[in-house]
C-alpha atoms as a PDB file:
ATOM      1  CA  MET A   1      -0.406   0.556  -0.214  1.00  0.00           C
ATOM      2  CA  SER A   2       1.533   3.099  -0.915  1.00  0.00           C
ATOM      3  CA  GLY A   3       1.829   6.395   2.048  1.00  0.00           C
ATOM      4  CA  GLU A   4       1.035   8.925  -0.365  1.00  0.00           C
ATOM      5  CA  HIS A   5      -2.589  10.621  -1.305  1.00  0.00           C
ATOM      6  CA  ILE A   6      -3.427  13.196  -3.431  1.00  0.00           C
ATOM      7  CA  TYR A   7      -6.524  15.913  -2.368  1.00  0.00           C
ATOM      8  CA  ASP A   8      -9.308  15.182  -4.904  1.00  0.00           C
ATOM      9  CA  ARG A   9     -11.866  18.050  -6.025  1.00  0.00           C
ATOM     10  CA  THR A  10     -14.201  16.497  -3.359  1.00  0.00           C
ATOM     11  CA  GLU A  11     -11.303  16.950  -0.433  1.00  0.00           C
ATOM     12  CA  ARG A  12     -11.000  20.308  -1.598  1.00  0.00           C
ATOM     13  CA  ALA A  13     -14.283  21.622  -1.433  1.00  0.00           C
ATOM     14  CA  GLY A  14     -14.156  20.598   2.175  1.00  0.00           C
ATOM     15  CA  GLN A  15     -11.623  22.159   3.065  1.00  0.00           C
ATOM     16  CA  LEU A  16     -12.596  25.335   1.259  1.00  0.00           C
ATOM     17  CA  ASP A  17     -15.898  24.704   3.711  1.00  0.00           C
ATOM     18  CA  ARG A  18     -13.832  24.387   6.417  1.00  0.00           C
ATOM     19  CA  LEU A  19     -12.002  27.849   5.706  1.00  0.00           C
ATOM     20  CA  GLU A  20     -15.446  29.786   4.624  1.00  0.00           C
ATOM     21  CA  ARG A  21     -16.241  28.952   8.121  1.00  0.00           C
ATOM     22  CA  ALA A  22     -13.338  30.260  10.040  1.00  0.00           C
ATOM     23  CA  LEU A  23     -13.302  33.443   7.534  1.00  0.00           C
ATOM     24  CA  VAL A  24     -16.731  33.862   8.813  1.00  0.00           C
ATOM     25  CA  GLU A  25     -16.520  33.523  12.397  1.00  0.00           C
ATOM     26  CA  ILE A  26     -13.582  35.551  12.278  1.00  0.00           C
ATOM     27  CA  VAL A  27     -14.981  38.346  10.052  1.00  0.00           C
ATOM     28  CA  ARG A  28     -17.643  37.850  12.632  1.00  0.00           C
ATOM     29  CA  LEU A  29     -15.940  38.982  15.912  1.00  0.00           C
ATOM     30  CA  LEU A  30     -13.160  41.383  14.696  1.00  0.00           C
ATOM     31  CA  PRO A  31     -14.781  44.725  14.875  1.00  0.00           C
ATOM     32  CA  SER A  32     -15.450  44.033  18.658  1.00  0.00           C
ATOM     33  CA  THR A  33     -11.600  42.951  18.963  1.00  0.00           C
ATOM     34  CA  PRO A  34     -10.022  46.342  19.523  1.00  0.00           C
ATOM     35  CA  GLU A  35      -6.570  45.797  19.085  1.00  0.00           C
ATOM     36  CA  TYR A  36      -7.117  43.253  15.768  1.00  0.00           C
ATOM     37  CA  ALA A  37     -10.224  45.043  14.124  1.00  0.00           C
ATOM     38  CA  ALA A  38      -7.851  46.660  11.579  1.00  0.00           C
ATOM     39  CA  TRP A  39      -7.069  43.434   9.964  1.00  0.00           C
ATOM     40  CA  LEU A  40     -11.129  42.795   9.346  1.00  0.00           C
ATOM     41  CA  PRO A  41     -10.522  44.227   5.130  1.00  0.00           C
ATOM     42  CA  ASP A  42      -7.801  41.270   4.766  1.00  0.00           C
ATOM     43  CA  TYR A  43     -10.039  38.562   6.050  1.00  0.00           C
ATOM     44  CA  GLU A  44     -13.290  40.111   3.925  1.00  0.00           C
ATOM     45  CA  SER A  45     -10.189  40.126   0.991  1.00  0.00           C
ATOM     46  CA  ALA A  46      -9.931  36.085   1.580  1.00  0.00           C
ATOM     47  CA  GLN A  47     -13.563  35.858   1.596  1.00  0.00           C
ATOM     48  CA  SER A  48     -14.232  37.090  -1.646  1.00  0.00           C
ATOM     49  CA  ARG A  49     -11.148  35.623  -3.393  1.00  0.00           C
ATOM     50  CA  LEU A  50     -12.710  32.411  -2.142  1.00  0.00           C
ATOM     51  CA  GLN A  51     -16.183  32.682  -3.214  1.00  0.00           C
ATOM     52  CA  SER A  52     -14.393  33.523  -7.270  1.00  0.00           C
ATOM     53  CA  LEU A  53     -12.923  29.791  -6.765  1.00  0.00           C
ATOM     54  CA  ARG A  54     -16.128  28.349  -5.891  1.00  0.00           C
ATOM     55  CA  GLN A  55     -17.743  30.461  -8.762  1.00  0.00           C
ATOM     56  CA  GLY A  56     -15.100  29.254 -11.376  1.00  0.00           C
ATOM     57  CA  SER A  57     -12.572  25.784 -11.423  1.00  0.00           C
ATOM     58  CA  PHE A  58      -9.767  26.631  -9.673  1.00  0.00           C
ATOM     59  CA  THR A  59      -5.650  25.132  -9.520  1.00  0.00           C
ATOM     60  CA  ASP A  60      -3.469  23.785  -6.244  1.00  0.00           C
ATOM     61  CA  GLU A  61      -2.052  27.216  -6.675  1.00  0.00           C
ATOM     62  CA  ASP A  62      -5.149  29.783  -6.340  1.00  0.00           C
ATOM     63  CA  LEU A  63      -5.528  27.616  -3.643  1.00  0.00           C
ATOM     64  CA  LYS A  64      -1.652  27.786  -2.153  1.00  0.00           C
ATOM     65  CA  GLN A  65      -2.087  31.741  -2.951  1.00  0.00           C
ATOM     66  CA  LEU A  66      -5.578  32.444  -1.512  1.00  0.00           C
ATOM     67  CA  ALA A  67      -3.960  30.208   1.857  1.00  0.00           C
ATOM     68  CA  GLU A  68      -1.303  32.746   2.177  1.00  0.00           C
ATOM     69  CA  SER A  69      -3.235  35.782   1.843  1.00  0.00           C
ATOM     70  CA  ILE A  70      -4.745  34.614   4.906  1.00  0.00           C
ATOM     71  CA  PRO A  71      -2.874  36.560   7.375  1.00  0.00           C
ATOM     72  CA  ALA A  72      -1.511  35.298  11.107  1.00  0.00           C
ATOM     73  CA  ILE A  73      -2.579  37.800  13.219  1.00  0.00           C
ATOM     74  CA  LEU A  74      -1.293  36.403  16.822  1.00  0.00           C
ATOM     75  CA  TRP A  75       2.789  36.116  16.314  1.00  0.00           C
ATOM     76  CA  LEU A  76       2.509  33.295  19.116  1.00  0.00           C
ATOM     77  CA  HIS A  77       6.494  34.089  19.443  1.00  0.00           C
ATOM     78  CA  LYS A  78       8.802  33.533  22.848  1.00  0.00           C
ATOM     79  CA  GLU A  79       8.782  37.230  23.062  1.00  0.00           C
ATOM     80  CA  TRP A  80       5.420  37.913  22.422  1.00  0.00           C
ATOM     81  CA  VAL A  81       2.868  38.672  25.360  1.00  0.00           C
ATOM     82  CA  PRO A  82      -1.074  38.488  24.639  1.00  0.00           C
ATOM     83  CA  PRO A  83      -3.362  41.248  26.038  1.00  0.00           C
ATOM     84  CA  LEU A  84      -4.105  41.378  29.292  1.00  0.00           C
ATOM     85  CA  ARG A  85      -6.302  42.426  31.778  1.00  0.00           C
ATOM     86  CA  GLN A  86      -6.404  42.629  35.736  1.00  0.00           C
ATOM     87  CA  ILE A  87      -8.731  40.391  37.701  1.00  0.00           C
ATOM     88  CA  SER A  88      -7.278  41.333  41.256  1.00  0.00           C
ATOM     89  CA  PRO A  89      -3.958  42.559  42.850  1.00  0.00           C
ATOM     90  CA  GLY A  90      -1.383  40.918  40.267  1.00  0.00           C
ATOM     91  CA  VAL A  91      -3.300  38.693  38.699  1.00  0.00           C
ATOM     92  CA  PHE A  92      -3.248  38.900  34.851  1.00  0.00           C
ATOM     93  CA  ASP A  93      -5.884  36.836  32.634  1.00  0.00           C
ATOM     94  CA  THR A  94      -6.408  37.676  28.926  1.00  0.00           C
ATOM     95  CA  PRO A  95      -9.964  39.004  28.259  1.00  0.00           C
ATOM     96  CA  GLU A  96     -12.715  36.857  27.020  1.00  0.00           C
ATOM     97  CA  TRP A  97     -12.883  38.510  23.278  1.00  0.00           C
ATOM     98  CA  PHE A  98      -9.684  37.358  23.088  1.00  0.00           C
ATOM     99  CA  ASP A  99      -9.836  33.943  24.346  1.00  0.00           C
ATOM    100  CA  GLU A 100     -12.410  33.659  21.435  1.00  0.00           C
ATOM    101  CA  LEU A 101     -10.100  35.398  19.162  1.00  0.00           C
ATOM    102  CA  GLU A 102      -7.530  32.973  19.479  1.00  0.00           C
ATOM    103  CA  ARG A 103      -9.071  29.895  19.039  1.00  0.00           C
ATOM    104  CA  CYS A 104     -10.714  31.056  15.622  1.00  0.00           C
ATOM    105  CA  HIS A 105      -7.286  31.825  14.471  1.00  0.00           C
ATOM    106  CA  THR A 106      -6.563  28.715  15.336  1.00  0.00           C
ATOM    107  CA  GLU A 107      -8.999  27.276  13.235  1.00  0.00           C
ATOM    108  CA  LEU A 108      -8.292  29.231  10.194  1.00  0.00           C
ATOM    109  CA  MET A 109      -4.839  28.871  10.094  1.00  0.00           C
ATOM    110  CA  LYS A 110      -5.192  24.899  10.326  1.00  0.00           C
ATOM    111  CA  ALA A 111      -7.696  25.692   7.356  1.00  0.00           C
ATOM    112  CA  ALA A 112      -5.133  27.497   5.517  1.00  0.00           C
ATOM    113  CA  PHE A 113      -2.364  25.195   6.322  1.00  0.00           C
ATOM    114  CA  ASP A 114      -4.595  22.277   4.821  1.00  0.00           C
ATOM    115  CA  LEU A 115      -5.049  24.103   1.237  1.00  0.00           C
ATOM    116  CA  ARG A 116      -1.013  24.444   1.070  1.00  0.00           C
ATOM    117  CA  SER A 117      -0.228  21.287   0.058  1.00  0.00           C
ATOM    118  CA  ILE A 118      -1.436  18.877  -2.680  1.00  0.00           C
ATOM    119  CA  GLY A 119      -1.866  15.657  -0.257  1.00  0.00           C
ATOM    120  CA  TYR A 120       0.868  13.784   2.408  1.00  0.00           C
ATOM    121  CA  TYR A 121       2.288  11.032   2.742  1.00  0.00           C
END
């Protein structure tokens, strides 16, 4: 049995569905997120591009370009600190809006990542 699998059109349509759901969710959230609302036009543009691809035919390169057009707005590196709110003296936590944004952003990045590859081993 070969371990190689190339995505077919049906699988790609499912990947686009997943990306579309994630984009709808993040576009819904961004207007209420003070530090990230400026990214809204980028995600709306990706939604438009996704719809254009759905209406016509698309290649793996088209999907890759769509995925690469979706910005990663949460830079998770060792010196990055998410927005924090003080709960009590000396105790801080992320605000609820950020927790929801982070969840949606993670799903969006996973969906975009899937479109960058043509298959798997």
